Protein backbone atom coordinates (compact mmCIF):
# COMPACT_ATOMS: atom_id res chain seq x y z
CA MET A 1 21.31 -16.64 -20.94
CA THR A 2 20.25 -18.52 -17.90
CA ASP A 3 23.01 -21.18 -16.67
CA VAL A 4 20.60 -24.03 -16.89
CA SER A 5 22.98 -26.69 -15.56
CA SER A 6 23.86 -24.54 -12.62
CA ASN A 7 20.40 -23.69 -11.86
CA ASN A 8 19.37 -27.20 -11.99
CA LYS A 9 22.03 -28.42 -9.36
CA ARG A 10 20.89 -25.67 -6.95
CA ILE A 11 17.32 -26.68 -7.26
CA ALA A 12 18.36 -30.47 -6.64
CA LYS A 13 20.45 -29.29 -3.68
CA ASN A 14 17.76 -27.09 -2.20
CA THR A 15 15.06 -29.94 -2.74
CA VAL A 16 17.27 -32.30 -0.98
CA ALA A 17 17.80 -29.75 1.96
CA LEU A 18 13.97 -29.18 2.18
CA TYR A 19 13.20 -32.78 1.88
CA ILE A 20 15.28 -33.50 4.94
CA ARG A 21 13.83 -30.77 6.84
CA MET A 22 10.12 -32.37 6.08
CA LEU A 23 11.20 -35.49 7.37
CA VAL A 24 12.24 -34.38 10.59
CA ILE A 25 9.56 -31.90 11.01
CA ILE A 26 6.79 -34.49 10.05
CA ALA A 27 8.18 -37.03 12.61
CA ILE A 28 8.19 -34.56 15.34
CA SER A 29 4.83 -32.79 14.49
CA LEU A 30 2.83 -36.29 14.40
CA TYR A 31 4.32 -37.13 17.81
CA THR A 32 3.54 -33.57 19.38
CA SER A 33 0.10 -33.24 17.89
CA ARG A 34 -0.88 -36.68 19.31
CA VAL A 35 0.51 -35.67 22.87
CA VAL A 36 -1.38 -32.24 22.51
CA LEU A 37 -4.50 -33.91 21.62
CA ALA A 38 -4.30 -36.39 24.56
CA THR A 39 -3.11 -33.67 27.28
CA LEU A 40 -5.69 -30.87 26.11
CA GLY A 41 -8.27 -33.14 25.35
CA VAL A 42 -11.09 -33.17 22.40
CA SER A 43 -12.82 -30.27 23.63
CA ASP A 44 -9.78 -27.93 24.33
CA PHE A 45 -7.94 -29.11 21.35
CA GLY A 46 -11.12 -27.92 19.25
CA ILE A 47 -11.23 -24.58 20.84
CA TYR A 48 -7.57 -24.08 20.02
CA ASN A 49 -8.36 -24.72 16.39
CA VAL A 50 -11.48 -22.60 16.06
CA VAL A 51 -10.17 -19.66 17.92
CA GLY A 52 -6.75 -19.83 16.30
CA GLY A 53 -8.73 -20.02 13.15
CA VAL A 54 -10.32 -16.66 13.74
CA VAL A 55 -6.81 -15.09 13.90
CA ILE A 56 -5.62 -17.07 10.97
CA LEU A 57 -8.49 -15.57 8.94
CA PHE A 58 -6.79 -11.94 9.30
CA SER A 59 -3.15 -13.37 8.86
CA PHE A 60 -3.73 -13.39 4.92
CA LEU A 61 -2.53 -9.85 5.31
CA LYS A 62 1.15 -11.44 6.27
CA SER A 63 1.28 -13.94 3.59
CA SER A 64 0.26 -11.54 0.88
CA MET A 65 3.12 -9.11 1.47
CA ALA A 66 5.57 -11.88 2.15
CA SER A 67 4.83 -13.17 -1.19
CA THR A 68 4.97 -9.79 -2.46
CA THR A 69 8.29 -8.81 -1.02
CA GLN A 70 9.61 -12.28 -2.31
CA ARG A 71 8.39 -11.66 -5.76
CA PHE A 72 9.82 -8.34 -6.21
CA LEU A 73 13.25 -9.39 -4.87
CA ASN A 74 13.40 -12.38 -7.21
CA VAL A 75 12.84 -10.10 -10.16
CA GLU A 76 15.50 -7.59 -9.02
CA LEU A 77 17.87 -10.30 -8.23
CA GLY A 78 16.97 -12.05 -11.51
CA LYS A 79 18.08 -8.71 -13.08
CA GLY A 80 21.20 -8.56 -10.95
CA ASP A 81 20.12 -5.21 -9.49
CA GLU A 82 21.17 -5.33 -5.81
CA THR A 83 20.64 -1.64 -5.32
CA SER A 84 16.87 -1.86 -6.09
CA ALA A 85 16.47 -5.03 -4.25
CA THR A 86 17.59 -2.96 -1.23
CA ARG A 87 14.99 -0.44 -1.89
CA VAL A 88 12.35 -3.28 -2.31
CA PHE A 89 13.21 -4.92 1.06
CA SER A 90 13.07 -1.58 2.99
CA MET A 91 9.76 -0.64 1.44
CA GLY A 92 8.75 -4.27 2.19
CA ILE A 93 9.60 -3.60 5.95
CA ASN A 94 7.67 -0.36 5.63
CA CYS A 95 4.55 -2.01 4.34
CA GLN A 96 4.64 -4.82 7.19
CA PHE A 97 4.38 -2.03 9.82
CA ILE A 98 1.12 -0.99 7.96
CA ILE A 99 -0.05 -4.14 7.72
CA ILE A 100 0.32 -5.10 11.41
CA GLY A 101 -1.56 -1.94 12.12
CA LEU A 102 -4.18 -3.05 9.91
CA PHE A 103 -4.28 -6.60 11.23
CA LEU A 104 -4.58 -5.55 14.92
CA PHE A 105 -7.38 -3.45 14.00
CA LEU A 106 -9.35 -6.28 12.32
CA ALA A 107 -8.50 -8.67 14.92
CA GLU A 108 -9.57 -6.59 17.86
CA THR A 109 -12.75 -5.46 16.28
CA ILE A 110 -14.58 -7.92 13.72
CA GLY A 111 -12.24 -10.85 14.78
CA LEU A 112 -13.11 -10.46 18.51
CA TRP A 113 -16.73 -9.49 17.84
CA TYR A 114 -17.13 -12.92 15.92
CA MET A 115 -15.44 -14.87 18.67
CA ASN A 116 -17.57 -13.43 21.40
CA THR A 117 -20.84 -13.67 19.34
CA TYR A 118 -20.66 -16.86 17.01
CA ILE A 119 -17.89 -19.25 18.25
CA LYS A 120 -19.55 -22.15 20.38
CA ILE A 121 -17.24 -22.34 23.28
CA PRO A 122 -18.03 -24.94 26.04
CA GLU A 123 -19.14 -23.74 29.29
CA GLY A 124 -16.42 -22.54 31.60
CA ARG A 125 -13.83 -22.31 28.89
CA MET A 126 -14.35 -18.74 27.45
CA VAL A 127 -11.92 -17.06 29.73
CA ALA A 128 -9.08 -19.60 28.54
CA ALA A 129 -10.48 -19.04 24.90
CA GLN A 130 -10.01 -15.11 25.37
CA TRP A 131 -6.45 -15.67 26.41
CA VAL A 132 -5.78 -17.92 23.59
CA TYR A 133 -7.09 -15.48 21.23
CA GLN A 134 -5.15 -12.58 22.42
CA ILE A 135 -1.90 -14.78 22.41
CA SER A 136 -2.39 -15.85 18.92
CA VAL A 137 -3.08 -12.24 17.77
CA LEU A 138 0.39 -11.49 19.11
CA THR A 139 1.92 -14.52 17.61
CA ALA A 140 0.62 -13.43 14.17
CA CYS A 141 2.20 -10.01 14.61
CA PHE A 142 5.61 -11.81 14.89
CA ASN A 143 4.81 -13.79 11.83
CA ILE A 144 4.05 -10.75 9.87
CA TYR A 145 7.01 -8.66 10.89
CA TYR A 146 9.63 -11.51 9.99
CA ALA A 147 8.04 -12.46 6.74
CA PRO A 148 10.31 -10.17 4.28
CA TYR A 149 13.25 -11.90 6.02
CA ASN A 150 11.93 -15.13 5.30
CA GLY A 151 11.45 -13.97 1.80
CA ALA A 152 14.73 -12.73 1.36
CA ILE A 153 16.45 -16.15 2.38
CA ILE A 154 14.08 -17.84 -0.02
CA ALA A 155 14.89 -15.23 -2.81
CA TYR A 156 18.68 -16.02 -2.24
CA GLU A 157 17.89 -19.90 -2.45
CA ARG A 158 19.65 -20.24 1.15
CA MET A 159 17.20 -23.52 1.59
CA GLY A 160 19.77 -25.10 3.91
CA VAL A 161 19.39 -22.12 6.47
CA TYR A 162 15.42 -22.30 6.07
CA ALA A 163 15.85 -26.19 6.44
CA TYR A 164 17.78 -25.77 9.71
CA VAL A 165 15.75 -23.04 11.27
CA SER A 166 12.43 -25.17 10.47
CA ILE A 167 13.88 -28.05 12.29
CA ILE A 168 14.95 -26.14 15.29
CA GLU A 169 11.41 -24.79 15.38
CA ALA A 170 10.13 -28.34 15.37
CA VAL A 171 12.29 -29.27 18.07
CA LEU A 172 11.34 -26.40 20.08
CA LYS A 173 7.77 -27.53 19.59
CA LEU A 174 8.97 -30.98 21.04
CA GLY A 175 9.77 -29.04 24.22
CA ILE A 176 6.58 -27.44 24.35
CA VAL A 177 4.97 -30.85 24.75
CA TYR A 178 7.00 -31.76 27.77
CA LEU A 179 6.46 -28.49 29.33
CA LEU A 180 2.63 -28.86 28.83
CA THR A 181 2.68 -32.38 30.58
CA ILE A 182 4.25 -30.66 33.50
CA GLY A 183 2.70 -27.17 33.68
CA ASN A 184 0.37 -26.26 36.55
CA ILE A 185 -1.53 -23.53 34.93
CA ASP A 186 -4.47 -23.98 32.45
CA LYS A 187 -3.06 -25.99 29.65
CA LEU A 188 -4.71 -24.45 26.69
CA ILE A 189 -3.48 -21.05 28.04
CA LEU A 190 0.20 -22.56 28.43
CA TYR A 191 -0.19 -24.09 24.96
CA GLY A 192 -0.88 -20.86 23.58
CA LEU A 193 2.03 -19.33 25.40
CA LEU A 194 4.70 -21.54 24.59
CA THR A 195 3.84 -21.69 20.89
CA LEU A 196 4.24 -17.82 21.03
CA GLY A 197 7.42 -18.12 22.45
CA VAL A 198 8.90 -20.61 19.73
CA THR A 199 7.51 -17.99 17.26
CA ILE A 200 9.65 -15.09 18.99
CA ILE A 201 12.82 -17.34 18.96
CA THR A 202 12.49 -18.33 15.42
CA SER A 203 11.79 -14.87 14.08
CA ALA A 204 14.72 -13.62 15.87
CA ILE A 205 17.11 -16.39 14.20
CA TYR A 206 15.78 -15.53 10.93
CA ILE A 207 16.33 -11.61 11.25
CA PHE A 208 19.76 -12.17 12.74
CA TYR A 209 20.93 -14.49 9.93
CA CYS A 210 19.51 -11.88 7.22
CA LEU A 211 21.33 -8.98 8.86
CA ARG A 212 24.61 -11.06 8.97
CA ASN A 213 24.52 -12.43 5.40
CA PHE A 214 22.41 -10.28 2.98
CA LYS A 215 23.32 -6.50 2.55
CA ILE A 216 19.87 -5.65 0.97
CA CYS A 217 18.36 -6.78 4.45
CA ASN A 218 19.93 -3.54 6.24
CA TYR A 219 16.95 -1.37 6.54
CA HIS A 220 17.15 2.11 5.10
CA ARG A 221 14.63 4.68 6.13
CA ILE A 222 13.45 5.39 2.44
CA TRP A 223 9.87 5.96 1.23
CA ASP A 224 9.31 5.22 -2.40
CA LYS A 225 6.00 6.28 -3.23
CA GLY A 226 5.94 4.75 -6.84
CA LEU A 227 7.42 1.48 -5.47
CA PHE A 228 4.92 1.44 -2.44
CA ARG A 229 1.99 1.84 -4.86
CA TYR A 230 3.31 -1.09 -7.16
CA MET A 231 3.84 -3.26 -4.32
CA MET A 232 0.61 -2.65 -2.55
CA ASN A 233 -1.12 -3.20 -5.81
CA PHE A 234 0.35 -6.62 -6.21
CA SER A 235 -0.08 -7.49 -2.57
CA GLY A 236 -3.76 -5.79 -2.51
CA TRP A 237 -4.73 -8.47 -5.53
CA SER A 238 -2.91 -11.27 -3.74
CA ILE A 239 -5.08 -10.68 -0.82
CA PHE A 240 -8.14 -11.83 -2.81
CA GLY A 241 -6.40 -15.28 -3.38
CA ASN A 242 -5.25 -15.71 0.34
CA VAL A 243 -8.52 -14.76 1.53
CA ALA A 244 -10.35 -17.21 -0.42
CA ASN A 245 -7.62 -20.07 0.58
CA LEU A 246 -8.38 -19.04 4.20
CA GLY A 247 -11.97 -19.00 3.65
CA ILE A 248 -11.50 -22.75 2.60
CA SER A 249 -9.51 -23.78 5.36
CA GLN A 250 -10.29 -21.70 8.47
CA GLY A 251 -13.86 -20.50 7.29
CA LEU A 252 -14.92 -24.08 6.98
CA GLN A 253 -13.87 -24.65 10.56
CA LEU A 254 -16.07 -21.93 11.68
CA VAL A 255 -19.10 -23.34 9.46
CA GLN A 256 -18.35 -26.85 11.06
CA ASN A 257 -18.23 -25.33 14.46
CA PHE A 258 -21.57 -23.44 13.93
CA PHE A 259 -23.19 -26.62 12.73
CA PHE A 260 -21.79 -29.33 14.77
CA GLY A 261 -19.61 -27.62 17.53
CA VAL A 262 -15.91 -28.10 18.68
CA THR A 263 -15.93 -31.75 18.45
CA MET A 264 -15.98 -31.45 14.57
CA ASN A 265 -13.34 -28.82 14.74
CA ALA A 266 -11.18 -31.45 16.70
CA ALA A 267 -11.67 -33.97 13.78
CA MET A 268 -10.91 -31.25 11.12
CA GLY A 269 -7.99 -30.42 13.20
CA VAL A 270 -6.59 -34.01 13.02
CA ALA A 271 -7.11 -34.44 9.52
CA THR A 272 -5.54 -31.25 8.70
CA GLN A 273 -2.16 -32.43 10.69
CA VAL A 274 -2.24 -35.49 8.78
CA ASN A 275 -2.80 -33.73 5.32
CA GLY A 276 -0.24 -31.08 6.35
CA ALA A 277 2.44 -33.48 7.10
CA ILE A 278 2.15 -34.60 3.42
CA THR A 279 1.79 -31.06 1.83
CA ARG A 280 4.74 -30.07 3.67
CA PHE A 281 6.80 -32.28 1.41
CA LEU A 282 5.10 -30.41 -1.59
CA GLY A 283 5.61 -26.86 -0.22
CA GLY A 284 9.45 -27.49 0.28
CA PHE A 285 9.66 -28.59 -3.23
CA THR A 286 7.84 -25.85 -4.71
CA THR A 287 9.80 -23.42 -2.48
CA ALA A 288 13.00 -24.65 -4.23
CA PHE A 289 11.42 -24.06 -7.57
CA ASN A 290 9.64 -21.03 -7.37
CA PRO A 291 12.54 -18.49 -7.19
CA GLN A 292 14.02 -19.87 -10.56
CA ILE A 293 10.68 -19.51 -12.24
CA THR A 294 10.51 -15.88 -11.33
CA LYS A 295 14.09 -15.20 -12.00
CA SER A 296 13.88 -16.88 -15.61
CA TRP A 297 11.02 -14.88 -16.47
CA ALA A 298 12.40 -11.69 -15.43
CA ALA A 299 15.60 -12.48 -17.20
CA GLY A 300 13.40 -13.17 -20.37
CA ASP A 301 14.51 -16.92 -20.79
CA THR A 302 10.91 -18.35 -21.87
CA ASP A 303 12.21 -21.58 -22.73
CA TYR A 304 13.55 -22.27 -19.54
CA PHE A 305 10.57 -20.86 -17.71
CA PHE A 306 8.12 -23.06 -19.31
CA SER A 307 10.43 -26.06 -18.92
CA LEU A 308 10.41 -25.40 -15.20
CA VAL A 309 6.79 -24.94 -15.17
CA TYR A 310 6.02 -28.45 -16.77
CA ARG A 311 8.77 -30.13 -14.78
CA THR A 312 7.22 -28.66 -11.48
CA THR A 313 4.06 -29.78 -12.10
CA ARG A 314 4.92 -33.23 -12.63
CA PHE A 315 7.57 -33.55 -9.96
CA ALA A 316 5.27 -32.07 -7.47
CA PHE A 317 2.47 -34.39 -8.17
CA PHE A 318 5.03 -37.27 -7.98
CA MET A 319 6.22 -36.30 -4.61
CA MET A 320 2.79 -35.68 -3.38
CA PHE A 321 1.32 -38.79 -4.76
CA ILE A 322 4.07 -41.08 -3.43
CA MET A 323 3.19 -39.75 0.13
CA ALA A 324 -0.38 -39.60 -0.16
CA LEU A 325 -1.48 -43.03 -1.51
CA PRO A 326 -0.32 -45.22 1.27
CA ILE A 327 -1.89 -42.64 3.77
CA PHE A 328 -5.07 -42.28 1.87
CA LEU A 329 -5.42 -46.19 1.89
CA CYS A 330 -4.25 -46.77 5.29
CA CYS A 331 -5.58 -43.66 7.12
CA ALA A 332 -7.72 -45.47 9.68
CA GLU A 333 -4.91 -47.77 10.92
CA ILE A 334 -2.43 -45.04 10.97
CA MET A 335 -4.63 -42.86 13.00
CA ASP A 336 -5.65 -45.67 15.48
CA ILE A 337 -1.69 -46.15 16.14
CA TRP A 338 -1.04 -42.45 16.07
CA LEU A 339 -3.96 -41.19 18.41
CA GLU A 340 -5.26 -42.65 21.87
CA VAL A 341 -8.90 -41.32 20.65
CA VAL A 342 -9.61 -40.61 16.98
CA PRO A 343 -12.32 -38.19 16.72
CA GLU A 344 -15.39 -39.15 14.60
CA HIS A 345 -15.05 -38.38 10.87
CA ALA A 346 -11.42 -37.60 10.95
CA VAL A 347 -10.67 -40.35 8.72
CA SER A 348 -12.86 -39.41 5.97
CA PHE A 349 -12.05 -35.59 6.48
CA CYS A 350 -8.26 -36.79 5.87
CA ARG A 351 -8.95 -38.78 2.79
CA LEU A 352 -11.05 -35.73 1.21
CA MET A 353 -8.23 -33.33 2.06
CA ILE A 354 -5.52 -35.72 0.55
CA ILE A 355 -7.68 -35.50 -2.79
CA TYR A 356 -7.85 -31.99 -2.59
CA SER A 357 -4.04 -31.51 -1.99
CA LEU A 358 -3.21 -34.04 -4.88
CA ILE A 359 -5.20 -31.76 -7.40
CA ASP A 360 -3.63 -28.76 -5.62
CA SER A 361 -0.19 -30.14 -6.35
CA VAL A 362 -0.59 -29.57 -10.19
CA CYS A 363 -1.69 -26.03 -9.69
CA MET A 364 1.48 -24.75 -7.70
CA SER A 365 3.47 -24.14 -10.77
CA LEU A 366 0.72 -22.30 -12.53
CA ALA A 367 0.39 -20.20 -9.51
CA ALA A 368 4.07 -19.44 -9.55
CA ALA A 369 3.97 -18.41 -13.22
CA VAL A 370 1.14 -16.06 -12.71
CA GLY A 371 3.31 -14.39 -9.92
CA ALA A 372 6.35 -14.19 -12.27
CA HIS A 373 4.33 -12.37 -14.79
CA GLY A 374 2.98 -9.96 -12.42
CA ASP A 375 -0.37 -9.19 -13.78
CA ILE A 376 -2.44 -10.73 -11.18
CA LYS A 377 -5.68 -8.50 -10.98
CA LYS A 378 -8.09 -10.61 -13.00
CA TYR A 379 -6.28 -13.83 -12.10
CA GLN A 380 -7.00 -13.15 -8.25
CA ILE A 381 -10.50 -11.84 -8.68
CA GLY A 382 -11.62 -15.00 -10.87
CA LEU A 383 -9.96 -17.50 -8.45
CA SER A 384 -11.20 -15.83 -5.39
CA ILE A 385 -14.89 -15.82 -6.79
CA PHE A 386 -14.53 -19.45 -7.73
CA LYS A 387 -13.08 -20.59 -4.12
CA LEU A 388 -15.33 -18.56 -1.87
CA LEU A 389 -18.38 -20.15 -3.46
CA VAL A 390 -17.40 -23.21 -1.36
CA ILE A 391 -18.48 -21.17 1.77
CA PRO A 392 -22.12 -20.38 0.60
CA LEU A 393 -22.58 -23.69 -1.23
CA SER A 394 -21.49 -25.62 2.16
CA ILE A 395 -23.76 -23.71 4.22
CA VAL A 396 -26.73 -24.45 1.77
CA GLY A 397 -25.97 -28.19 1.79
CA LEU A 398 -25.54 -28.39 5.59
CA VAL A 399 -28.72 -26.46 6.13
CA LEU A 400 -30.51 -29.11 3.73
CA GLY A 401 -29.25 -31.83 6.11
CA ALA A 402 -26.00 -32.73 4.45
CA ALA A 403 -23.16 -34.89 6.18
CA PRO A 404 -20.06 -33.11 7.52
CA GLU A 405 -18.19 -34.40 4.58
CA TYR A 406 -20.25 -32.39 2.13
CA VAL A 407 -18.29 -29.25 2.67
CA LEU A 408 -14.75 -30.79 1.53
CA LEU A 409 -16.49 -32.51 -1.35
CA VAL A 410 -17.50 -29.15 -2.49
CA ASN A 411 -14.15 -27.87 -1.95
CA ILE A 412 -12.60 -30.64 -4.41
CA VAL A 413 -14.95 -29.78 -7.10
CA MET A 414 -14.31 -25.96 -6.94
CA ASN A 415 -10.45 -26.68 -6.83
CA ILE A 416 -10.97 -28.64 -10.17
CA VAL A 417 -12.88 -25.37 -11.56
CA THR A 418 -10.23 -23.19 -10.55
CA TYR A 419 -7.28 -25.44 -12.21
CA ILE A 420 -9.11 -24.77 -15.62
CA PHE A 421 -9.36 -21.22 -14.92
CA ARG A 422 -5.68 -20.89 -14.09
CA LEU A 423 -4.90 -22.65 -17.71
CA PHE A 424 -6.91 -20.33 -19.80
CA TYR A 425 -5.60 -17.27 -17.76
CA LEU A 426 -2.01 -18.17 -18.51
CA ARG A 427 -2.95 -19.06 -22.22
CA LYS A 428 -3.71 -15.52 -22.49
CA ARG A 429 -0.92 -13.76 -20.24
CA VAL A 430 2.33 -15.79 -20.97
CA TYR A 431 1.12 -17.51 -23.94
CA LEU A 432 0.94 -21.04 -22.28
CA HIS A 433 -0.11 -23.78 -24.93
CA ILE A 434 -2.62 -25.53 -23.02
CA TRP A 435 -2.39 -28.87 -24.98
CA ASP A 436 1.37 -28.89 -24.84
CA PHE A 437 0.95 -28.37 -21.05
CA MET A 438 -1.55 -31.49 -20.86
CA LYS A 439 0.86 -33.55 -22.80
CA LYS A 440 4.01 -32.68 -20.85
CA ALA A 441 2.69 -32.24 -17.47
CA LEU A 442 -0.82 -33.25 -16.82
CA PHE A 443 -1.19 -36.61 -18.82
CA PRO A 444 1.86 -37.99 -17.18
CA CYS A 445 0.64 -37.30 -13.86
CA LEU A 446 -2.69 -39.22 -14.68
CA GLU A 447 -0.88 -42.12 -16.18
CA VAL A 448 1.26 -42.56 -13.14
CA ALA A 449 -1.88 -42.52 -11.00
CA LEU A 450 -3.64 -44.98 -12.83
CA ILE A 451 -0.78 -47.44 -13.23
CA ALA A 452 0.01 -47.30 -9.35
CA ILE A 453 -3.22 -47.48 -7.66
CA PRO A 454 -4.64 -50.77 -8.34
CA LEU A 455 -1.91 -53.13 -6.91
CA PRO A 456 -1.95 -51.60 -3.21
CA VAL A 457 -5.78 -51.22 -3.55
CA LEU A 458 -5.65 -55.21 -4.00
CA VAL A 459 -3.28 -55.64 -1.24
CA TYR A 460 -5.18 -53.58 1.12
CA ASN A 461 -8.35 -55.58 0.46
CA LEU A 462 -6.78 -59.04 0.76
CA MET A 463 -4.92 -58.37 3.76
CA ASN A 464 -6.44 -57.31 7.00
CA GLY A 465 -5.04 -55.65 10.10
CA TYR A 466 -1.68 -53.89 10.86
CA LEU A 467 0.22 -56.38 9.11
CA GLY A 468 -2.07 -55.74 5.82
CA ALA A 469 -1.51 -51.89 6.64
CA VAL A 470 2.24 -52.35 6.65
CA ALA A 471 2.34 -54.43 3.35
CA THR A 472 -0.25 -51.81 1.64
CA ILE A 473 2.16 -48.95 2.56
CA LEU A 474 5.31 -50.80 1.19
CA VAL A 475 3.46 -51.64 -2.14
CA ALA A 476 2.10 -48.24 -2.37
CA VAL A 477 5.08 -46.51 -2.08
CA ILE A 478 7.10 -49.00 -4.42
CA SER A 479 4.26 -48.84 -7.07
CA SER A 480 3.95 -45.18 -7.06
CA GLY A 481 7.60 -44.59 -6.98
CA LEU A 482 8.35 -46.85 -9.81
CA SER A 483 5.47 -45.64 -11.90
CA ALA A 484 6.71 -42.06 -11.31
CA LEU A 485 10.20 -42.90 -12.43
CA PHE A 486 9.48 -44.96 -15.38
CA ILE A 487 6.29 -43.86 -16.54
CA GLY A 488 6.04 -40.21 -15.64
CA MET A 489 9.63 -39.15 -16.26
CA THR A 490 11.53 -38.35 -19.40
CA ARG A 491 14.62 -40.63 -20.34
CA ALA A 492 16.98 -37.51 -19.31
CA GLU A 493 15.13 -36.84 -16.11
CA ARG A 494 15.38 -40.70 -15.07
CA THR A 495 19.02 -40.62 -15.73
CA ARG A 496 19.61 -37.54 -13.58
CA VAL A 497 17.50 -38.78 -10.81
CA LEU A 498 19.18 -42.44 -10.91
CA SER A 499 22.77 -40.86 -11.12
CA PHE A 500 21.93 -38.42 -8.15
CA VAL A 501 20.84 -41.40 -6.07
CA SER A 502 23.74 -43.33 -6.96
CA ASN A 503 26.09 -40.82 -6.22
CA LYS A 504 24.46 -40.20 -2.78
CA LEU A 505 24.61 -43.68 -1.91
CA LYS A 506 28.37 -44.09 -2.98
CA ARG A 507 29.17 -41.13 -0.35
CA GLN A 508 27.77 -43.23 2.30
């Protein structure tokens, strides 16, 4: 039987560590992206986003295998079998080498062909774009290789280490900004090289820590054909979902580039930076919960499994909503302060991305539940079909003369469709009671949103300028926070949250 109290404390501790990590990273990333945009200029910033996007289109190979390794490690650790976990990790490394080879083949054939044939690069910048492409390929290879080590840290729930390394990475990126302003070579190429350097350093830290602290991370030259087939089967179907996600993010960058050029890519890049700052909080939170969801299912503790799924859904939305509401309302004012030049359409893109991410926040626990169960074939096929429809529907709309925002509206609609699909899939696979889920997870989220929104909207419309924006942000945070606490949480959850905050304040 799962030790619920111990697990809850571990989740709370890991969530705090990841939350602090996100605060530091967001503060640094918002500053660095501002300076990078100003230093590179709108054109070069757009080039980096779209050229790097071609490489990222193939990086689904990394994320698929990383999630696969983490999932199998969580299952074995949930059973208490470290011997099997060691075999899983070693086979994960073997698989990564195969994936790196496949990635290089795709990137240097299809990816390179697409970039040279279809990407619209301003005159005189093709050589720099080629450099950035090859540097991005090398960066992706390092990211692919260290993925199992990152998965081991998450599987063991060492979120403090994960947080520290991420903060080091953010500080190194701050150093990139300084070097970028004093460098004498082409700044676009220099930015790519410095980003590669940061990736190498952080990869080395993750690998060194795992080798020193986890026995399962000592690589053994083994080949388990059955395990390889099982892992690659799971990973193969995961690729469908990751391709769809990348088709939404990077594929739409390519569509925007084809119809509107690199200026629109710059607007998408800025909006993605702002939205990414918000969703990083969500990612840290779900990272703390996901190992417990998988381990509870592996241990056969279905009551705790479902309670985690319901609770993760609500808390993920609350954390996302508290950040998203003030930024959604004051997006124009924030960008005006943050950036020297705000690209056209950046504000509307950002608001639409925030809506998408809010919907996505209530999907995270469902995705974790499917991964814990392990039967993902039909799930990934169905999910991918719905998500990939965004690309042709977007192209048709733009051909007919739709505005650039149309592609993100299509994205939002399809995200709602995939949410419904997830619910019915889990009803069949893990016997999720949809009405029970709606009452305990989804309805509280809707209630919090409906109660929290009117007051900050009223303040925003009554007060103008930066003073009005500050007032709106404060009211939005307070309104959404109090609504989540008193409307969205159960009495027991509210008591634990208030007790946790009180204990933290007493220690200061």
